[in-house]
């Protein structure tokens, strides 16, 4: 017996997939770290130090980090419409990253180009995961059967 696809209402009520939530958190953290690095802070990582002062890129990356973090928190909280919030914040990050790639692709900043391509690919995967209806048997958020009943 195959399950029928969720109705549009059920789709938007469903919690985003765990893989998308984790990727969103990872992406928010990556943007935050790169923003700090671009503000001029050197970040030691074992055998090397990341140092890439680029003050013009730091504020937009900080904004994208904050927006994606809001989407990740909403997705992890699993509240009603969290999938829509996750999709919107991921779309915002995709547009910002594509713009950043456009700026850096013709520059000698090879590390920045690689970073933008990697984050762009991660965001695309996240976006696709968020669009997929999923095969979860879990009830939609807000379903009365999901609520914990009090024994009082």
Protein backbone atom coordinates (compact mmCIF):
# COMPACT_ATOMS: atom_id res chain seq x y z
CA UNK A 1 0.00 0.00 0.00
CA UNK A 2 1.50 3.35 -1.02
CA UNK A 3 0.86 6.54 0.82
CA UNK A 4 -0.84 9.32 -1.03
CA UNK A 5 1.08 12.57 -1.43
CA UNK A 6 0.34 15.15 1.23
CA UNK A 7 -2.24 17.79 0.52
CA UNK A 8 -0.90 21.33 0.07
CA UNK A 9 -2.00 22.14 3.62
CA UNK A 10 -0.23 19.08 5.03
CA UNK A 11 2.92 19.86 3.02
CA UNK A 12 3.29 23.32 4.56
CA UNK A 13 2.50 21.97 8.02
CA UNK A 14 5.19 19.29 7.88
CA UNK A 15 8.45 19.84 9.62
CA UNK A 16 11.34 20.30 7.17
CA UNK A 17 13.54 17.21 6.75
CA UNK A 18 16.31 16.73 9.30
CA UNK A 19 18.97 16.87 6.58
CA UNK A 20 17.74 20.30 5.44
CA UNK A 21 17.67 21.57 9.03
CA UNK A 22 21.26 20.45 9.62
CA UNK A 23 22.45 21.93 6.32
CA UNK A 24 20.78 25.24 7.20
CA UNK A 25 22.53 25.34 10.58
CA UNK A 26 25.85 24.46 8.95
CA UNK A 27 25.39 27.16 6.31
CA UNK A 28 24.48 29.81 8.88
CA UNK A 29 27.62 28.94 10.84
CA UNK A 30 29.76 29.03 7.69
CA UNK A 31 28.47 32.49 6.78
CA UNK A 32 29.09 33.72 10.33
CA UNK A 33 32.69 32.43 10.35
CA UNK A 34 33.46 33.86 6.92
CA UNK A 35 31.95 37.19 7.92
CA UNK A 36 34.21 37.32 10.97
CA UNK A 37 37.22 36.43 8.81
CA UNK A 38 36.31 39.13 6.29
CA UNK A 39 36.05 41.65 9.15
CA UNK A 40 39.78 40.98 9.65
CA UNK A 41 39.88 38.34 12.40
CA UNK A 42 42.44 35.57 11.83
CA UNK A 43 41.04 32.10 12.53
CA UNK A 44 43.61 29.39 13.35
CA UNK A 45 42.63 25.88 12.23
CA UNK A 46 45.26 23.42 13.32
CA UNK A 47 48.13 23.66 10.85
CA UNK A 48 46.96 26.86 9.10
CA UNK A 49 45.35 30.20 9.75
CA UNK A 50 42.49 31.62 7.73
CA UNK A 51 43.15 35.29 7.10
CA UNK A 52 41.20 37.15 4.43
CA UNK A 53 40.27 40.71 5.30
CA UNK A 54 37.59 41.86 2.87
CA UNK A 55 35.48 44.43 4.76
CA UNK A 56 33.04 44.96 1.89
CA UNK A 57 31.85 41.34 2.06
CA UNK A 58 31.61 41.03 5.84
CA UNK A 59 28.29 42.86 6.47
CA UNK A 60 26.30 41.07 3.74
CA UNK A 61 27.64 37.72 4.94
CA UNK A 62 26.66 38.59 8.51
CA UNK A 63 23.13 39.43 7.34
CA UNK A 64 22.86 36.17 5.38
CA UNK A 65 24.16 34.26 8.42
CA UNK A 66 21.46 35.84 10.60
CA UNK A 67 18.67 35.22 8.09
CA UNK A 68 19.63 31.57 7.55
CA UNK A 69 20.00 31.12 11.32
CA UNK A 70 16.42 32.40 11.76
CA UNK A 71 15.27 29.89 9.13
CA UNK A 72 17.19 27.07 10.81
CA UNK A 73 15.74 27.90 14.23
CA UNK A 74 12.24 27.94 12.74
CA UNK A 75 12.89 24.63 10.98
CA UNK A 76 14.23 22.99 14.15
CA UNK A 77 11.32 24.34 16.19
CA UNK A 78 8.93 22.73 13.72
CA UNK A 79 6.20 25.31 14.16
CA UNK A 80 3.40 25.83 11.68
CA UNK A 81 4.72 27.24 8.41
CA UNK A 82 8.34 26.57 9.37
CA UNK A 83 8.88 24.98 5.95
CA UNK A 84 7.89 28.25 4.29
CA UNK A 85 10.24 30.23 6.51
CA UNK A 86 13.05 27.78 5.77
CA UNK A 87 12.40 28.02 2.02
CA UNK A 88 12.29 31.82 2.08
CA UNK A 89 15.49 32.20 4.09
CA UNK A 90 17.29 29.64 1.93
CA UNK A 91 16.15 31.44 -1.23
CA UNK A 92 17.45 34.72 0.22
CA UNK A 93 20.82 33.08 0.93
CA UNK A 94 20.91 31.58 -2.58
CA UNK A 95 20.41 35.00 -4.16
CA UNK A 96 23.00 36.63 -1.90
CA UNK A 97 25.53 33.88 -2.55
CA UNK A 98 24.98 34.02 -6.31
CA UNK A 99 25.58 37.77 -6.17
CA UNK A 100 28.74 37.26 -4.10
CA UNK A 101 29.97 34.67 -6.57
CA UNK A 102 29.33 37.10 -9.41
CA UNK A 103 31.57 39.64 -7.68
CA UNK A 104 34.39 37.25 -6.80
CA UNK A 105 34.48 35.00 -9.88
CA UNK A 106 36.64 37.41 -11.90
CA UNK A 107 38.91 38.30 -9.00
CA UNK A 108 42.16 36.66 -7.90
CA UNK A 109 40.36 35.55 -4.69
CA UNK A 110 40.37 31.81 -5.47
CA UNK A 111 39.46 30.83 -1.90
CA UNK A 112 36.39 33.08 -2.00
CA UNK A 113 35.28 31.62 -5.33
CA UNK A 114 35.62 28.08 -3.98
CA UNK A 115 33.74 29.09 -0.82
CA UNK A 116 30.89 30.64 -2.81
CA UNK A 117 30.61 27.61 -5.10
CA UNK A 118 30.56 25.24 -2.12
CA UNK A 119 27.96 27.25 -0.22
CA UNK A 120 25.88 27.70 -3.38
CA UNK A 121 25.84 23.93 -3.91
CA UNK A 122 24.92 23.35 -0.25
CA UNK A 123 22.09 25.88 -0.46
CA UNK A 124 20.77 24.32 -3.68
CA UNK A 125 20.69 20.89 -2.05
CA UNK A 126 18.98 22.39 0.99
CA UNK A 127 16.39 24.14 -1.18
CA UNK A 128 15.60 20.93 -3.07
CA UNK A 129 15.28 19.00 0.19
CA UNK A 130 12.87 21.62 1.49
CA UNK A 131 10.76 21.37 -1.67
CA UNK A 132 10.43 17.60 -1.45
CA UNK A 133 7.24 16.46 0.28
CA UNK A 134 9.07 13.77 2.20
CA UNK A 135 7.99 10.26 3.10
CA UNK A 136 7.54 10.91 6.77
CA UNK A 137 4.75 9.13 8.56
CA UNK A 138 4.88 11.81 11.20
CA UNK A 139 1.75 13.83 11.64
CA UNK A 140 1.80 17.46 10.59
CA UNK A 141 2.72 20.05 13.20
CA UNK A 142 -0.35 21.15 15.09
CA UNK A 143 -2.19 17.86 14.56
CA UNK A 144 -4.29 17.21 17.67
CA UNK A 145 -2.91 13.66 17.87
CA UNK A 146 0.59 15.12 18.34
CA UNK A 147 -0.28 17.13 21.39
CA UNK A 148 0.82 15.93 24.80
CA UNK A 149 -2.13 15.43 27.08
CA UNK A 150 -2.00 16.62 30.63
CA UNK A 151 -2.93 14.17 33.39
CA UNK A 152 -4.62 16.88 35.46
